[in-house]
Amino acid sequence: MDIDTLMLPFRFGFMQNAFLIALIVSVPTALLSCYLVLKGWALMGDAICHAVLPGIVLAYIFGFPLILGAFAAGMGCAIATGYLAHNSRVKQDTVMGVVFSGMFAVGIVLYVSIDTGAHLDHILFGNMLGVDAGELWTAGLISLAVSAAIALKWKDLLLHSFDPAQAQASGLPVAVLHYGLLAGISLAVVATLSAAGLILAIGLLVAPGAIAFLIVRSFGKMLLVAVAVCMASMLTGTYLSFFLDSAPAPTIVLVLTAVFIVAFLRRVLLTRRATRGPGPATEPATLERALDG
C-alpha cells in the first residue's frame, strides 16, 4: 500500500469522529478496568452493561434523556445486587447473574414491544461511525469527570479494592468509595454507548486492566499501561475496520483479545523461566508492592 491509501481513513469526517470517540472513552474504561480486575468485579461490569438497557428503553418511552435512564438503571442494578448479597445467603456473583439477566430480559421485552428509532439499535451494538458532536461532548465530559475523580482518589480506591477492612480501619469513607466506584462504572458505560454499545462495552471494562495486570507489578504503572493499551487497541481496531469493512466495536474487542493472549503467553513463559531459576517464582501480593513495586 502507498502512503495515500494508508492515510485514507483520516480523510473522512465520520472516521475522524470515530477515532476521537475511541480516544475519549478509552481513558475512563481503562482506569476502571484496573479496579474491576483487582477487586474481582468483572461480573459487576458485565451486570451494569446489560442492566442499563431497560433504563434506556424507559427513558425513550417517556421522552427523558437516554443517558439519565442508563445511569439510573446501572446504579439501581448495583444497589440491588449489594442489598441482596448482604441480606441473603446467596453469594454476590450469583446475585449479580440473576439481577443483570433479569433486567436485561426486561429491557429486551420492552425493546421489542415498542416502535423504536434506529439509535436504540446503536445502543445495543454501537455506532462509532455515526457519532455526532453532542455525543462527543457527552462522552468527553463524562470521561473527564470519571478520570479526574480516579486521579484524585486512586490510592484510596486501591486500598478499598485491595483490603476493604483495612480501608475502614484507616478511617476512609468506605461506603462513599464503594458507591462512587459503582457510579463511575455506570457513567463509563453511558459514555461508551455510542462507541461500543452495551454488548461489547464489557470488553473495554475488563480487558485493559487484565492485560496490564499481566504486564506490570505496580498498580500505578498498571493504570498507565491499561490506558495506553486501551487507546492503542481502540485506534488500531477502528483503523483496521475501515480496510476490513467490518464494524469498529467488535474489531476493537478482537484486537484487545489478541493483545491479552500475547500478554498471557508472555507471563506464562516468564513464570516458567522463574521456576527454573533460584528463588520463588512469584512474590506475595501486598499493598506496598502494589503502590511502589
Protein backbone atom coordinates (compact mmCIF):
# COMPACT_ATOMS: atom_id res chain seq x y z
CA MET A 1 0.00 0.00 0.00
CA ASP A 2 1.17 3.53 -0.70
CA ILE A 3 1.05 6.34 1.83
CA ASP A 4 -2.13 7.84 0.32
CA THR A 5 -4.00 4.57 0.86
CA LEU A 6 -2.72 4.22 4.42
CA MET A 7 -3.84 7.75 5.26
CA LEU A 8 -7.24 7.35 3.59
CA PRO A 9 -9.25 6.70 6.81
CA PHE A 10 -8.14 10.03 8.28
CA ARG A 11 -9.66 11.99 5.38
CA PHE A 12 -13.28 11.20 6.22
CA GLY A 13 -15.20 13.11 8.86
CA PHE A 14 -17.01 10.04 10.21
CA MET A 15 -13.68 8.25 10.69
CA GLN A 16 -12.20 11.29 12.45
CA ASN A 17 -15.14 11.25 14.87
CA ALA A 18 -14.67 7.50 15.37
CA PHE A 19 -11.00 7.97 16.27
CA LEU A 20 -11.93 10.82 18.61
CA ILE A 21 -14.64 8.90 20.47
CA ALA A 22 -12.22 5.97 20.76
CA LEU A 23 -9.64 8.19 22.48
CA ILE A 24 -12.28 9.74 24.75
CA VAL A 25 -13.82 6.53 26.12
CA SER A 26 -10.54 4.62 26.37
CA VAL A 27 -9.31 6.58 29.41
CA PRO A 28 -12.13 6.04 31.96
CA THR A 29 -12.85 2.46 30.89
CA ALA A 30 -9.16 1.51 31.16
CA LEU A 31 -8.76 3.13 34.59
CA LEU A 32 -11.90 1.48 35.94
CA SER A 33 -10.91 -1.89 34.48
CA CYS A 34 -7.85 -1.94 36.76
CA TYR A 35 -10.05 -1.69 39.84
CA LEU A 36 -12.55 -4.23 38.47
CA VAL A 37 -9.74 -6.73 37.90
CA LEU A 38 -8.13 -6.08 41.29
CA LYS A 39 -11.44 -6.26 43.14
CA GLY A 40 -12.76 -9.25 41.19
CA TRP A 41 -15.69 -7.24 39.89
CA ALA A 42 -15.57 -8.26 36.23
CA LEU A 43 -19.09 -9.68 36.51
CA MET A 44 -20.26 -6.42 38.10
CA GLY A 45 -19.16 -4.53 35.00
CA ASP A 46 -20.98 -7.07 32.85
CA ALA A 47 -24.08 -6.75 35.02
CA ILE A 48 -24.20 -2.97 34.76
CA CYS A 49 -23.61 -3.05 31.00
CA HIS A 50 -26.61 -5.32 30.48
CA ALA A 51 -28.80 -3.79 33.18
CA VAL A 52 -28.85 -0.30 31.67
CA LEU A 53 -30.98 -1.48 28.73
CA PRO A 54 -34.40 -1.22 30.47
CA GLY A 55 -33.47 2.24 31.74
CA ILE A 56 -32.62 3.35 28.22
CA VAL A 57 -35.85 1.99 26.75
CA LEU A 58 -37.99 3.53 29.52
CA ALA A 59 -36.24 6.86 29.08
CA TYR A 60 -37.00 6.67 25.34
CA ILE A 61 -40.67 5.87 26.01
CA PHE A 62 -41.16 8.77 28.44
CA GLY A 63 -39.03 11.23 26.48
CA PHE A 64 -36.20 11.58 29.01
CA PRO A 65 -32.52 11.78 28.03
CA LEU A 66 -31.25 8.27 27.38
CA ILE A 67 -28.12 8.79 29.48
CA LEU A 68 -30.25 9.51 32.57
CA GLY A 69 -32.16 6.28 32.12
CA ALA A 70 -28.94 4.34 31.58
CA PHE A 71 -27.29 5.79 34.69
CA ALA A 72 -30.37 5.22 36.88
CA ALA A 73 -30.70 1.60 35.74
CA GLY A 74 -26.99 0.93 36.22
CA MET A 75 -26.96 2.29 39.74
CA GLY A 76 -30.22 0.50 40.52
CA CYS A 77 -28.67 -2.79 39.46
CA ALA A 78 -25.56 -2.16 41.57
CA ILE A 79 -27.54 -1.17 44.68
CA ALA A 80 -29.97 -4.08 44.29
CA THR A 81 -27.08 -6.51 43.91
CA GLY A 82 -25.37 -5.20 47.04
CA TYR A 83 -28.58 -5.29 49.10
CA LEU A 84 -29.49 -8.84 48.08
CA ALA A 85 -25.94 -10.10 48.62
CA HIS A 86 -25.80 -8.63 52.17
CA ASN A 87 -29.26 -9.82 53.16
CA SER A 88 -29.22 -13.39 51.88
CA ARG A 89 -27.00 -16.45 51.92
CA VAL A 90 -26.57 -16.31 48.16
CA LYS A 91 -23.09 -15.25 47.01
CA GLN A 92 -22.66 -11.93 45.25
CA ASP A 93 -21.68 -13.37 41.87
CA THR A 94 -24.86 -15.48 41.86
CA VAL A 95 -26.97 -12.46 42.79
CA MET A 96 -25.34 -10.41 40.02
CA GLY A 97 -26.10 -13.13 37.48
CA VAL A 98 -29.77 -13.19 38.46
CA VAL A 99 -30.18 -9.40 38.63
CA PHE A 100 -28.45 -8.47 35.39
CA SER A 101 -30.03 -11.29 33.37
CA GLY A 102 -33.45 -10.32 34.73
CA MET A 103 -33.00 -6.62 33.98
CA PHE A 104 -31.59 -7.36 30.53
CA ALA A 105 -34.58 -9.61 29.81
CA VAL A 106 -36.95 -6.82 30.87
CA GLY A 107 -35.10 -4.43 28.58
CA ILE A 108 -35.37 -6.82 25.63
CA VAL A 109 -39.11 -7.31 26.21
CA LEU A 110 -39.65 -3.55 26.34
CA TYR A 111 -37.36 -3.01 23.36
CA VAL A 112 -39.23 -5.36 21.01
CA SER A 113 -42.66 -4.21 22.19
CA ILE A 114 -42.33 -0.58 21.07
CA ASP A 115 -41.63 1.11 17.76
CA THR A 116 -38.09 2.31 18.34
CA GLY A 117 -35.75 4.50 16.35
CA ALA A 118 -32.52 3.23 14.82
CA HIS A 119 -30.46 4.84 17.56
CA LEU A 120 -31.69 2.22 20.05
CA ASP A 121 -30.13 -0.43 17.79
CA HIS A 122 -26.92 1.53 18.10
CA ILE A 123 -27.22 1.43 21.88
CA LEU A 124 -27.02 -2.36 21.68
CA PHE A 125 -24.35 -2.77 19.03
CA GLY A 126 -22.51 0.55 18.90
CA ASN A 127 -22.33 3.20 16.18
CA MET A 128 -18.83 4.67 16.20
CA LEU A 129 -19.13 5.73 12.57
CA GLY A 130 -22.27 7.75 13.28
CA VAL A 131 -21.43 9.72 16.43
CA ASP A 132 -22.33 13.39 16.35
CA ALA A 133 -20.96 16.44 18.15
CA GLY A 134 -23.44 16.11 21.02
CA GLU A 135 -22.39 12.54 21.74
CA LEU A 136 -18.73 13.54 21.60
CA TRP A 137 -19.33 16.30 24.14
CA THR A 138 -21.34 13.99 26.42
CA ALA A 139 -18.71 11.26 26.33
CA GLY A 140 -15.94 13.83 26.80
CA LEU A 141 -17.48 15.43 29.88
CA ILE A 142 -18.24 12.06 31.47
CA SER A 143 -14.75 10.78 30.72
CA LEU A 144 -13.18 13.91 32.17
CA ALA A 145 -15.25 13.68 35.37
CA VAL A 146 -14.59 9.97 35.94
CA SER A 147 -10.88 10.23 35.10
CA ALA A 148 -10.42 13.26 37.36
CA ALA A 149 -12.15 11.51 40.27
CA ILE A 150 -9.92 8.46 39.89
CA ALA A 151 -6.79 10.62 39.61
CA LEU A 152 -7.67 12.36 42.89
CA LYS A 153 -8.67 9.25 44.84
CA TRP A 154 -6.77 6.42 43.16
CA LYS A 155 -4.84 5.40 46.30
CA ASP A 156 -7.99 5.40 48.45
CA LEU A 157 -9.79 3.33 45.83
CA LEU A 158 -6.80 0.98 45.68
CA LEU A 159 -6.85 0.39 49.43
CA HIS A 160 -10.61 -0.16 49.34
CA SER A 161 -10.24 -2.64 46.48
CA PHE A 162 -7.24 -4.43 47.97
CA ASP A 163 -8.41 -4.62 51.59
CA PRO A 164 -11.80 -3.07 52.49
CA ALA A 165 -11.34 -3.91 56.19
CA GLN A 166 -8.05 -2.03 56.35
CA ALA A 167 -9.59 0.88 54.46
CA GLN A 168 -12.38 1.13 57.03
CA ALA A 169 -9.91 0.86 59.91
CA SER A 170 -7.89 3.68 58.35
CA GLY A 171 -10.90 5.98 58.55
CA LEU A 172 -11.67 6.10 54.83
CA PRO A 173 -15.33 6.61 53.81
CA VAL A 174 -15.76 3.04 52.59
CA ALA A 175 -19.40 3.46 51.58
CA VAL A 176 -18.61 6.59 49.56
CA LEU A 177 -15.74 4.83 47.80
CA HIS A 178 -17.86 1.75 47.13
CA TYR A 179 -20.80 3.56 45.59
CA GLY A 180 -18.53 6.12 43.96
CA LEU A 181 -16.80 3.29 42.10
CA LEU A 182 -20.17 1.87 41.07
CA ALA A 183 -21.28 5.32 39.89
CA GLY A 184 -18.07 5.63 37.87
CA ILE A 185 -18.74 2.29 36.18
CA SER A 186 -22.30 3.34 35.34
CA LEU A 187 -21.11 6.66 33.93
CA ALA A 188 -18.39 4.93 31.89
CA VAL A 189 -21.00 2.61 30.41
CA VAL A 190 -23.07 5.64 29.44
CA ALA A 191 -20.01 7.21 27.80
CA THR A 192 -19.35 4.07 25.74
CA LEU A 193 -22.90 3.66 24.46
CA SER A 194 -22.15 5.35 21.13
CA ALA A 195 -18.75 3.73 20.74
CA ALA A 196 -19.05 0.08 21.75
CA GLY A 197 -22.71 -0.49 22.58
CA LEU A 198 -23.93 -2.38 25.62
CA ILE A 199 -22.99 -5.82 24.38
CA LEU A 200 -19.32 -5.04 23.75
CA ALA A 201 -18.71 -2.40 26.43
CA ILE A 202 -17.80 -5.12 28.94
CA GLY A 203 -14.66 -5.84 26.90
CA LEU A 204 -13.45 -2.28 27.46
CA LEU A 205 -14.14 -2.53 31.20
CA VAL A 206 -12.18 -5.76 31.73
CA ALA A 207 -9.57 -6.43 29.03
CA PRO A 208 -7.27 -3.38 29.50
CA GLY A 209 -6.90 -3.98 33.24
CA ALA A 210 -6.38 -7.72 32.74
CA ILE A 211 -3.66 -7.06 30.15
CA ALA A 212 -1.89 -4.52 32.34
CA PHE A 213 -2.13 -6.90 35.32
CA LEU A 214 -0.18 -9.48 33.32
CA ILE A 215 2.49 -7.00 32.21
CA VAL A 216 3.41 -4.94 35.30
CA ARG A 217 3.54 -5.43 39.08
CA SER A 218 2.96 -1.86 40.30
CA PHE A 219 -0.62 -0.59 40.40
CA GLY A 220 0.43 2.92 39.40
CA LYS A 221 2.11 1.51 36.30
CA MET A 222 -0.88 -0.75 35.79
CA LEU A 223 -3.15 2.28 35.40
CA LEU A 224 -0.84 3.86 32.81
CA VAL A 225 -0.33 0.63 30.86
CA ALA A 226 -4.06 -0.07 30.81
CA VAL A 227 -4.80 3.36 29.35
CA ALA A 228 -2.03 3.00 26.75
CA VAL A 229 -3.19 -0.49 25.75
CA CYS A 230 -6.84 0.58 25.53
CA MET A 231 -6.03 3.66 23.44
CA ALA A 232 -3.77 1.75 21.07
CA SER A 233 -6.24 -1.12 20.69
CA MET A 234 -9.20 1.17 20.04
CA LEU A 235 -7.31 3.22 17.46
CA THR A 236 -5.93 0.08 15.80
CA GLY A 237 -9.32 -1.63 15.73
CA THR A 238 -11.02 1.45 14.30
CA TYR A 239 -8.29 1.82 11.65
CA LEU A 240 -8.41 -1.86 10.64
CA SER A 241 -12.21 -1.85 10.44
CA PHE A 242 -12.01 0.68 7.61
CA PHE A 243 -9.99 -1.69 5.40
CA LEU A 244 -11.69 -4.88 6.60
CA ASP A 245 -15.14 -3.34 6.04
CA SER A 246 -16.18 -4.52 9.50
CA ALA A 247 -17.87 -2.81 12.45
CA PRO A 248 -15.33 -0.93 14.60
CA ALA A 249 -16.57 -2.12 18.02
CA PRO A 250 -16.13 -5.89 17.53
CA THR A 251 -12.85 -5.27 15.69
CA ILE A 252 -11.58 -3.36 18.73
CA VAL A 253 -12.56 -6.18 21.08
CA LEU A 254 -10.78 -8.69 18.82
CA VAL A 255 -7.63 -6.56 18.99
CA LEU A 256 -7.89 -6.43 22.79
CA THR A 257 -8.36 -10.20 22.88
CA ALA A 258 -5.27 -10.73 20.73
CA VAL A 259 -3.21 -8.44 22.99
CA PHE A 260 -4.45 -10.31 26.06
CA ILE A 261 -3.40 -13.66 24.57
CA VAL A 262 0.08 -12.29 23.82
CA ALA A 263 0.39 -10.86 27.34
CA PHE A 264 -0.80 -14.13 28.86
CA LEU A 265 1.67 -16.22 26.87
CA ARG A 266 4.46 -13.83 27.83
CA ARG A 267 3.57 -14.16 31.52
CA VAL A 268 3.49 -17.97 31.24
CA LEU A 269 6.97 -18.02 29.68
CA LEU A 270 8.37 -15.68 32.32
CA THR A 271 6.84 -17.77 35.11
CA ARG A 272 8.34 -20.96 33.71
CA ARG A 273 11.76 -19.34 33.48
CA ALA A 274 11.46 -18.12 37.06
CA THR A 275 10.58 -21.58 38.33
CA ARG A 276 13.77 -22.99 36.79
CA GLY A 277 15.98 -20.34 38.39
CA PRO A 278 16.80 -19.67 42.04
CA GLY A 279 14.25 -18.08 44.37
CA PRO A 280 10.47 -18.14 44.41
CA ALA A 281 8.52 -17.89 41.17
CA THR A 282 6.32 -15.10 42.44
CA GLU A 283 6.29 -12.64 45.31
CA PRO A 284 3.37 -12.36 47.71
CA ALA A 285 0.89 -9.61 46.84
CA THR A 286 0.98 -6.69 49.27
CA LEU A 287 -0.42 -3.21 49.21
CA GLU A 288 3.11 -1.78 49.41
CA ARG A 289 4.15 -3.69 46.29
CA ALA A 290 1.02 -2.57 44.51
CA LEU A 291 1.87 1.06 45.24
CA ASP A 292 5.67 1.04 44.97
CA GLY A 293 6.64 -2.09 43.04
